[in-house]
Protein backbone atom coordinates (compact mmCIF):
# COMPACT_ATOMS: atom_id res chain seq x y z
CA MET A 1 74.65 77.42 125.20
CA GLU A 2 71.03 80.20 124.63
CA PHE A 3 71.73 83.81 124.19
CA LYS A 4 68.60 85.06 126.32
CA GLN A 5 70.49 86.08 129.65
CA ARG A 6 68.58 84.58 132.38
CA ASN A 7 68.93 81.21 130.63
CA LYS A 8 72.42 81.29 130.01
CA GLN A 9 73.15 82.95 133.10
CA ASN A 10 70.97 79.32 134.66
CA GLN A 11 73.31 77.52 132.06
CA GLN A 12 76.70 78.54 133.74
CA ILE A 13 75.35 78.05 137.17
CA GLU A 14 74.52 74.53 136.24
CA ARG A 15 77.13 73.65 134.57
CA ILE A 16 79.55 73.44 138.13
CA THR A 17 78.60 70.24 139.62
CA PRO A 18 78.76 69.00 142.60
CA LYS A 19 82.25 67.07 141.55
CA HIS A 20 83.73 70.36 140.73
CA VAL A 21 86.43 72.62 141.71
CA VAL A 22 86.60 76.34 141.27
CA ILE A 23 89.36 77.91 141.23
CA GLY A 24 90.37 81.64 141.25
CA VAL A 25 93.24 82.98 140.63
CA ASP A 26 94.40 86.93 141.40
CA ILE A 27 96.62 87.69 138.54
CA ALA A 28 100.33 89.51 138.80
CA LYS A 29 103.17 90.03 136.79
CA GLU A 30 105.39 87.73 138.57
CA ILE A 31 103.52 85.95 141.35
CA HIS A 32 99.81 84.64 141.42
CA VAL A 33 97.17 83.72 144.31
CA ALA A 34 95.23 80.97 143.84
CA ARG A 35 92.30 79.77 146.07
CA ALA A 36 89.67 76.90 145.42
CA VAL A 37 85.82 76.03 146.49
CA ASN A 38 83.54 73.72 145.78
CA TYR A 39 80.13 74.16 144.26
CA ARG A 40 78.55 75.62 146.90
CA GLY A 41 81.53 78.20 147.56
CA ILE A 42 82.71 76.12 150.68
CA GLU A 43 86.60 76.90 150.67
CA ILE A 44 88.68 73.73 150.44
CA GLY A 45 92.68 73.46 150.95
CA LYS A 46 95.14 75.93 151.21
CA PRO A 47 95.90 78.98 149.26
CA LEU A 48 98.79 79.14 146.99
CA LYS A 49 101.21 81.43 145.65
CA PHE A 50 103.31 80.14 142.11
CA ALA A 51 105.28 82.15 139.76
CA ASP A 52 104.31 83.39 136.36
CA SER A 53 106.92 81.06 135.04
CA LYS A 54 106.74 77.51 133.57
CA GLU A 55 108.21 75.78 137.43
CA GLY A 56 105.22 77.95 138.67
CA PHE A 57 102.44 76.53 136.25
CA ILE A 58 103.25 72.98 137.50
CA ARG A 59 103.32 73.87 140.60
CA PHE A 60 99.78 75.29 140.46
CA GLN A 61 98.88 71.71 138.92
CA GLN A 62 100.21 69.25 141.63
CA TRP A 63 98.31 71.81 143.82
CA LEU A 64 95.32 71.52 141.80
CA GLU A 65 95.70 67.64 141.42
CA HIS A 66 96.43 67.43 145.30
CA LEU A 67 92.77 68.84 145.68
CA GLN A 68 90.99 67.09 143.15
CA SER A 69 92.33 63.78 145.05
CA THR A 70 91.87 64.77 148.49
CA HIS A 71 88.53 66.14 147.88
CA ARG A 72 87.37 63.60 145.02
CA LEU A 73 86.49 65.87 142.78
CA ASN A 74 86.87 65.02 138.67
CA ASN A 75 86.54 68.35 137.21
CA VAL A 76 87.90 71.62 137.21
CA LEU A 77 87.13 75.66 136.50
CA VAL A 78 89.35 78.30 136.82
CA GLY A 79 88.12 81.77 137.12
CA MET A 80 90.70 85.00 136.87
CA GLU A 81 90.41 88.71 136.10
CA PRO A 82 92.07 89.53 132.59
CA THR A 83 93.94 91.88 134.37
CA GLY A 84 96.22 93.98 131.55
CA HIS A 85 98.43 91.13 129.31
CA TYR A 86 99.75 89.58 132.41
CA TRP A 87 97.04 86.54 132.16
CA PHE A 88 98.07 85.75 129.18
CA HIS A 89 100.55 83.04 129.53
CA LEU A 90 98.57 81.57 132.45
CA ALA A 91 95.40 81.00 130.39
CA ASP A 92 97.38 79.75 127.43
CA TRP A 93 98.98 77.24 129.63
CA LEU A 94 95.60 76.04 130.73
CA LEU A 95 94.16 75.40 127.69
CA ALA A 96 97.01 73.81 126.43
CA GLU A 97 96.11 71.65 129.26
CA SER A 98 92.58 70.75 128.66
CA ILE A 99 91.48 73.13 131.75
CA ASP A 100 88.28 75.33 131.69
CA VAL A 101 89.20 78.51 132.15
CA VAL A 102 86.39 81.18 132.36
CA LEU A 103 86.48 84.85 132.97
CA VAL A 104 85.85 87.21 135.53
CA ASN A 105 84.58 90.96 135.47
CA PRO A 106 86.90 93.12 137.63
CA ALA A 107 84.16 94.98 138.32
CA THR A 108 81.91 92.05 139.74
CA THR A 109 84.85 91.46 142.00
CA LYS A 110 84.89 94.62 143.22
CA ARG A 111 81.32 94.76 143.64
CA ASN A 112 80.94 91.15 145.63
CA LYS A 113 84.54 91.73 147.94
CA GLU A 114 82.63 92.53 150.81
CA ASN A 115 79.92 89.15 151.05
CA ARG A 116 82.39 87.18 153.39
CA ASP A 117 83.98 89.80 156.29
CA ASN A 118 81.65 93.01 155.33
CA SER A 119 84.76 94.70 155.17
CA PRO A 120 86.61 97.10 152.05
CA SER A 121 89.93 96.10 152.54
CA LYS A 122 91.51 94.14 149.65
CA SER A 123 94.29 92.13 148.97
CA ASP A 124 95.52 89.37 146.83
CA MET A 125 94.75 86.54 148.91
CA LYS A 126 91.15 88.15 149.04
CA ASP A 127 90.52 88.83 145.80
CA ALA A 128 91.20 85.10 144.81
CA LEU A 129 88.55 83.54 146.90
CA VAL A 130 86.15 86.47 146.23
CA ILE A 131 87.17 85.30 142.41
CA ALA A 132 86.22 81.96 143.36
CA ASP A 133 82.75 82.65 145.14
CA VAL A 134 81.94 84.86 141.96
CA VAL A 135 82.42 81.85 139.54
CA SER A 136 80.60 79.34 141.77
CA ARG A 137 77.95 81.39 141.61
CA GLY A 138 77.43 81.62 137.45
CA TYR A 139 79.10 85.48 137.33
CA TYR A 140 81.68 84.66 134.57
CA THR A 141 82.37 84.90 130.93
CA ASP A 142 84.05 82.17 128.78
CA LEU A 143 87.14 82.33 127.75
CA PRO A 144 86.56 81.80 123.42
CA ARG A 145 89.15 79.46 121.52
CA THR A 146 89.69 81.72 118.83
CA PRO A 147 91.21 80.67 115.77
CA GLU A 148 94.33 81.99 115.06
CA VAL A 149 93.79 83.57 112.04
CA PHE A 150 91.32 85.81 114.03
CA GLN A 151 93.94 86.32 116.96
CA ARG A 152 96.53 87.59 114.50
CA LEU A 153 94.10 90.14 113.02
CA ARG A 154 93.16 91.39 116.46
CA VAL A 155 97.23 91.78 117.04
CA SER A 156 97.53 93.74 113.61
CA MET A 157 94.48 95.99 114.11
CA ASN A 158 95.75 96.93 117.78
CA TYR A 159 98.91 97.75 116.10
CA ARG A 160 97.40 99.77 113.11
CA GLU A 161 95.21 101.59 115.97
CA ILE A 162 98.42 102.23 117.76
CA CYS A 163 100.13 103.47 114.43
CA MET A 164 97.06 105.25 113.72
CA LYS A 165 97.45 107.49 117.05
CA ASP A 166 100.88 108.34 116.62
CA LEU A 167 100.68 109.42 113.30
CA VAL A 168 97.93 112.01 114.63
CA ILE A 169 100.23 113.11 117.13
CA ILE A 170 103.12 113.74 115.03
CA LYS A 171 100.13 115.76 112.84
CA ASN A 172 99.64 118.14 115.10
CA ARG A 173 103.35 118.50 116.35
CA ILE A 174 104.27 119.40 112.51
CA THR A 175 100.82 121.70 112.30
CA ARG A 176 102.14 123.55 115.96
CA TRP A 177 105.52 124.20 113.99
CA LEU A 178 104.07 125.37 111.09
CA ASP A 179 102.18 128.02 113.27
CA VAL A 180 105.29 129.18 115.34
CA SER A 181 107.91 129.29 112.88
CA PHE A 182 105.80 129.32 109.10
CA PRO A 183 102.65 130.58 110.07
CA GLU A 184 102.01 131.72 106.30
CA TYR A 185 102.91 128.36 104.99
CA THR A 186 98.94 126.99 104.91
CA THR A 187 97.63 130.07 102.64
CA VAL A 188 99.87 127.85 99.84
CA PHE A 189 99.27 124.51 100.93
CA LYS A 190 95.88 124.02 102.59
CA ASP A 191 96.78 120.95 103.33
CA TRP A 192 100.51 119.79 104.09
CA THR A 193 100.60 115.86 104.24
CA VAL A 194 100.03 116.39 99.94
CA PRO A 195 103.20 115.30 98.46
CA ARG A 196 104.73 119.07 97.41
CA SER A 197 104.29 120.00 100.07
CA LEU A 198 106.31 117.55 101.98
CA ALA A 199 109.19 118.18 99.36
CA ALA A 200 109.03 121.54 100.57
CA LEU A 201 108.83 120.97 104.31
CA GLN A 202 111.96 118.43 103.45
CA ALA A 203 113.60 120.53 101.57
CA PHE A 204 113.22 124.10 102.40
CA PRO A 205 112.01 124.11 106.21
CA LEU A 206 112.36 127.60 107.56
CA PRO A 207 111.20 130.94 105.73
CA ARG A 208 114.71 132.34 105.44
CA ASP A 209 115.94 129.35 103.36
CA ILE A 210 113.65 130.39 101.06
CA LYS A 211 113.72 134.00 100.44
CA ASN A 212 116.63 134.33 98.58
CA LEU A 213 115.46 131.35 96.04
CA ASP A 214 113.65 131.98 92.49
CA SER A 215 110.72 129.26 92.08
CA GLU A 216 113.69 127.48 89.60
CA LYS A 217 116.04 126.73 92.42
CA MET A 218 112.90 125.83 94.27
CA ILE A 219 111.66 123.56 92.46
CA ALA A 220 115.04 121.71 91.91
CA GLY A 221 115.32 121.35 95.48
CA TRP A 222 112.42 119.49 95.29
CA LYS A 223 113.01 117.02 92.91
CA PRO A 224 114.67 114.68 95.33
CA PHE A 225 111.56 114.12 97.35
CA MET A 226 109.00 113.59 94.41
CA LYS A 227 108.19 111.35 91.57
CA ARG A 228 106.78 114.44 89.61
CA VAL A 229 107.37 117.42 90.07
CA GLY A 230 105.60 118.96 87.27
CA GLY A 231 105.36 122.30 85.21
CA SER A 232 103.23 125.24 85.71
CA ARG A 233 101.74 123.79 88.64
CA ALA A 234 104.97 123.88 90.16
CA LEU A 235 106.13 127.02 89.32
CA GLN A 236 102.71 128.30 90.81
CA LYS A 237 103.43 126.88 93.86
CA ALA A 238 107.10 127.64 94.08
CA ALA A 239 106.74 131.77 93.65
CA GLU A 240 103.35 131.29 96.51
CA LEU A 241 105.80 129.64 98.69
CA LEU A 242 108.53 132.40 97.91
CA ALA A 243 106.06 135.11 98.42
CA ALA A 244 104.68 133.53 101.36
CA ALA A 245 108.57 133.80 103.28
CA ARG A 246 109.19 137.10 102.74
CA ARG A 247 106.33 138.41 104.33
CA SER A 248 106.33 135.67 107.22
CA VAL A 249 105.72 136.99 110.98
CA GLY A 250 107.55 133.07 112.59
CA ARG A 251 109.76 132.65 115.18
CA THR A 252 112.99 133.88 114.05
CA THR A 253 114.82 132.49 117.01
CA CYS A 254 116.36 128.82 118.17
CA GLN A 255 116.40 128.21 114.03
CA GLU A 256 118.79 125.29 113.99
CA GLU A 257 116.69 123.79 116.48
CA GLU A 258 113.25 124.13 114.50
CA ARG A 259 115.31 122.54 111.24
CA ARG A 260 116.20 119.48 113.08
CA GLN A 261 112.77 119.45 114.84
CA LEU A 262 111.14 119.28 111.75
CA ALA A 263 113.12 117.20 110.07
CA ASN A 264 112.33 114.51 112.32
CA LEU A 265 108.35 114.90 112.87
CA VAL A 266 108.33 114.32 108.81
CA ALA A 267 110.90 111.25 108.99
CA ASP A 268 108.48 110.00 111.77
CA TYR A 269 104.98 110.83 109.88
CA LEU A 270 106.48 109.54 106.63
CA ARG A 271 107.58 106.02 108.40
CA LEU A 272 104.36 106.02 110.03
CA GLU A 273 102.69 106.43 106.86
CA GLN A 274 104.37 104.16 105.16
CA ARG A 275 104.30 101.09 107.65
CA ILE A 276 99.80 102.04 107.50
CA GLY A 277 100.66 101.28 103.71
CA GLU A 278 102.13 97.69 104.50
CA MET A 279 99.50 96.70 107.35
CA GLN A 280 97.01 97.13 105.30
CA LYS A 281 98.39 94.98 102.58
CA GLU A 282 98.89 92.41 105.63
CA LEU A 283 95.38 92.20 106.63
CA ILE A 284 94.18 92.28 102.96
CA LYS A 285 96.34 88.85 102.80
CA LEU A 286 94.81 88.05 106.51
CA LEU A 287 90.96 88.46 105.34
CA GLU A 288 92.13 86.04 102.39
CA GLU A 289 92.49 83.44 104.78
CA ILE A 290 88.79 83.53 105.83
CA PRO A 291 87.32 84.09 102.34
CA GLU A 292 83.76 83.04 103.49
CA LEU A 293 83.32 85.35 106.35
CA THR A 294 85.12 88.11 104.29
CA GLN A 295 82.73 87.40 101.33
CA ARG A 296 79.56 87.79 103.34
CA LEU A 297 80.74 90.95 105.09
CA ARG A 298 81.56 92.31 101.70
CA SER A 299 78.40 91.81 100.14
CA ILE A 300 77.62 94.77 102.27
CA GLN A 301 78.18 98.20 99.78
CA GLY A 302 80.10 100.32 101.92
CA LEU A 303 82.29 98.47 104.14
CA GLY A 304 85.59 98.80 104.05
CA THR A 305 88.91 96.17 104.43
CA ILE A 306 89.96 98.30 107.44
CA CYS A 307 85.92 98.31 108.74
CA ILE A 308 85.57 94.59 107.93
CA ALA A 309 88.94 93.68 109.45
CA ALA A 310 87.95 95.38 112.81
CA LEU A 311 84.88 93.76 112.70
CA LEU A 312 86.42 90.02 112.57
CA ALA A 313 89.15 91.46 115.11
CA GLY A 314 86.85 92.15 117.42
CA THR A 315 84.15 89.10 117.40
CA GLY A 316 86.33 86.33 116.64
CA ASN A 317 84.07 83.60 114.36
CA LEU A 318 81.34 84.84 113.76
CA LYS A 319 79.82 82.06 112.99
CA THR A 320 79.70 81.22 116.59
CA TYR A 321 77.57 84.19 116.84
CA THR A 322 73.16 83.51 117.34
CA HIS A 323 71.94 87.00 117.83
CA GLY A 324 73.62 90.54 116.40
CA ASN A 325 73.16 91.56 120.26
CA GLN A 326 75.98 89.86 121.58
CA ILE A 327 78.08 91.95 118.81
CA LEU A 328 76.64 94.91 120.45
CA SER A 329 76.99 93.58 123.86
CA GLN A 330 80.70 92.86 122.62
CA ALA A 331 81.47 96.21 121.98
CA GLY A 332 79.78 97.99 125.01
CA LEU A 333 76.73 98.89 122.56
CA ASN A 334 73.84 97.64 124.67
CA LEU A 335 71.49 99.87 126.51
CA ALA A 336 71.06 100.49 129.96
CA GLU A 337 68.47 101.85 131.78
CA LYS A 338 67.92 103.24 135.46
CA SER A 339 64.69 103.41 136.86
CA SER A 340 62.90 102.71 140.09
CA GLY A 341 59.12 102.86 140.91
CA LYS A 342 57.62 106.17 139.34
CA TYR A 343 60.96 107.17 138.09
CA GLN A 344 62.47 106.54 134.78
CA GLY A 345 66.38 107.67 134.05
CA GLN A 346 67.22 107.73 130.70
CA VAL A 347 68.42 105.08 128.53
CA LYS A 348 72.35 105.13 127.67
CA ILE A 349 74.75 102.89 125.92
CA THR A 350 76.90 101.23 128.89
CA GLY A 351 80.00 101.88 126.97
CA ARG A 352 81.37 98.17 128.79
CA GLY A 353 83.28 96.66 125.86
CA ARG A 354 85.66 96.89 123.13
CA PRO A 355 86.41 100.16 122.14
CA GLN A 356 87.88 99.39 118.68
CA LEU A 357 84.86 97.50 117.91
CA ARG A 358 82.23 100.52 119.11
CA LYS A 359 84.09 102.68 116.97
CA HIS A 360 84.51 100.51 113.75
CA LEU A 361 80.94 100.02 114.02
CA TYR A 362 80.31 103.66 113.87
CA LEU A 363 82.03 104.76 111.10
CA GLY A 364 81.10 101.85 109.47
CA VAL A 365 77.42 102.83 109.44
CA ILE A 366 78.70 106.01 108.66
CA SER A 367 79.79 104.60 105.62
CA LEU A 368 76.92 102.44 104.69
CA VAL A 369 74.79 105.81 105.13
CA SER A 370 76.82 108.13 102.83
CA GLN A 371 77.49 104.64 100.09
CA ASN A 372 74.67 102.09 100.20
CA PRO A 373 71.14 102.73 98.93
CA ALA A 374 69.25 100.62 101.31
CA TYR A 375 71.03 102.35 104.76
CA ARG A 376 70.59 105.44 103.20
CA ALA A 377 66.78 104.82 102.54
CA TRP A 378 66.41 103.60 106.58
CA HIS A 379 68.51 106.49 108.17
CA GLU A 380 66.01 108.85 105.88
CA HIS A 381 63.07 107.12 107.07
CA ASN A 382 64.53 107.07 110.93
CA VAL A 383 64.74 111.38 110.49
CA LYS A 384 61.90 112.01 108.21
CA GLN A 385 59.00 109.57 109.43
CA LYS A 386 60.11 108.39 112.86
CA LYS A 387 61.39 111.79 113.36
CA MET A 388 64.30 110.85 114.93
CA LYS A 389 67.50 112.34 116.15
CA PRO A 390 70.38 111.55 113.22
CA MET A 391 72.35 110.25 115.96
CA ALA A 392 69.61 108.04 117.40
CA SER A 393 69.40 106.46 114.46
CA ILE A 394 72.92 105.98 113.69
CA PHE A 395 72.98 103.63 116.59
CA LYS A 396 69.91 102.03 115.66
CA LEU A 397 71.26 101.46 112.11
CA ILE A 398 74.79 100.15 114.19
CA GLY A 399 72.16 97.42 115.50
CA LYS A 400 70.71 96.65 112.68
CA LEU A 401 74.03 96.31 110.86
CA CYS A 402 74.86 93.63 113.76
CA ARG A 403 71.82 91.95 113.56
CA ILE A 404 72.09 91.25 109.71
CA ILE A 405 75.98 90.47 109.60
CA VAL A 406 74.76 87.55 111.99
CA GLY A 407 71.99 86.75 109.42
CA LEU A 408 74.01 86.68 106.87
CA VAL A 409 76.32 84.23 108.50
CA ARG A 410 74.03 82.01 109.97
CA GLN A 411 71.70 81.84 106.47
CA GLU A 412 75.03 81.29 104.22
CA ARG A 413 73.79 84.21 102.02
CA SER A 414 74.59 87.85 100.50
CA PHE A 415 73.28 91.07 101.65
CA ASP A 416 69.77 91.96 100.29
CA PRO A 417 68.60 94.97 101.40
CA LYS A 418 64.58 93.66 100.22
CA VAL A 419 65.24 91.02 102.99
CA ALA A 420 66.40 92.66 105.06
CA ASN A 421 63.67 95.00 105.17
CA PRO A 422 61.68 96.31 102.12
CA ALA A 423 59.13 98.56 104.07
CA PRO A 424 60.91 101.60 104.35
CA LEU A 425 62.72 101.15 100.84
CA ALA A 426 58.75 100.68 99.31
CA ALA A 427 58.00 103.63 101.00
């Protein structure tokens, strides 16, 4: 399929022939609704309600076969909105039955719901017909048949994002606990996540637990929670923590509850840290199953394992891409402009795409600017020579990274900054 939007749209319309029956399915948790139109958008047959179960899917298939035999239609195209996770079962079953499935943007459905009746009303029956209508006019996206390894990568990265968000929440709660119960603690440990600090929080969480101890007893209490307690450094930190506890102005009420709360928070923090470390190893193993793509991306100095895993999880098989702008569109980093007549609006990114892919493209370029000489030179050229704002340069380099990635995969070569863009580097 051509990449340019005009050609792509025309091809999607031409794909639907007079021998096609176009099905629109409104997805729900338990009961789906399906309606059918022909290639001209004329409704055929009666609506169908069917359950999200094997029996319901078989009933849907029988209804579909009846429509085909009645109206002498050979080809089928089923469109649906990717509503949460409820569409997975039906889409997977249809693909297993070799039935073509396409996706419709919910925003497209919302904008076209008044086409037939000029009414803002909304119902499952109406939505199913609207979905069938917009599919018949070519406003859909193909559901890619992603290889399993990329699906596994996406599931792993999604779970890692959940763990990272939970970790941030736990860290914020521990920080709040310290501010309330032991505000002087951060004068001793600037970063409370270091091993010695975590040992101290587990052994002696409250200032009153420390006040009557000496340095040796405090170090002895740390030993069960640390591999190496240390020598003079341990004595120094123990003395500082002892002094901080004796002058603490932290809250002294509800101490047993506060102690129990901190113990649970620290346990949750350590569990999440361990799980994230295990997931790092799992991602490395998954990347080893696609060595060719991983090797192309690793040739770009500065892209780490997590960034590469996120890129492949968000894009799927890069061999199917023809232009870097497709990755930008997938991530919601494509540009949108509002202009009319003499009015020229501000150009902004759409933000309509996969937020995880967008996040890691941004973080990846930040890493490249700091670690990759070529990207550092391009960034300096944009800022100093072209007088671009630093953030504008970063987003420009995101586009450059996407085009380079697709080029490396299509041409089966490793990254070479001289081939990518020799002019700024020569300057």
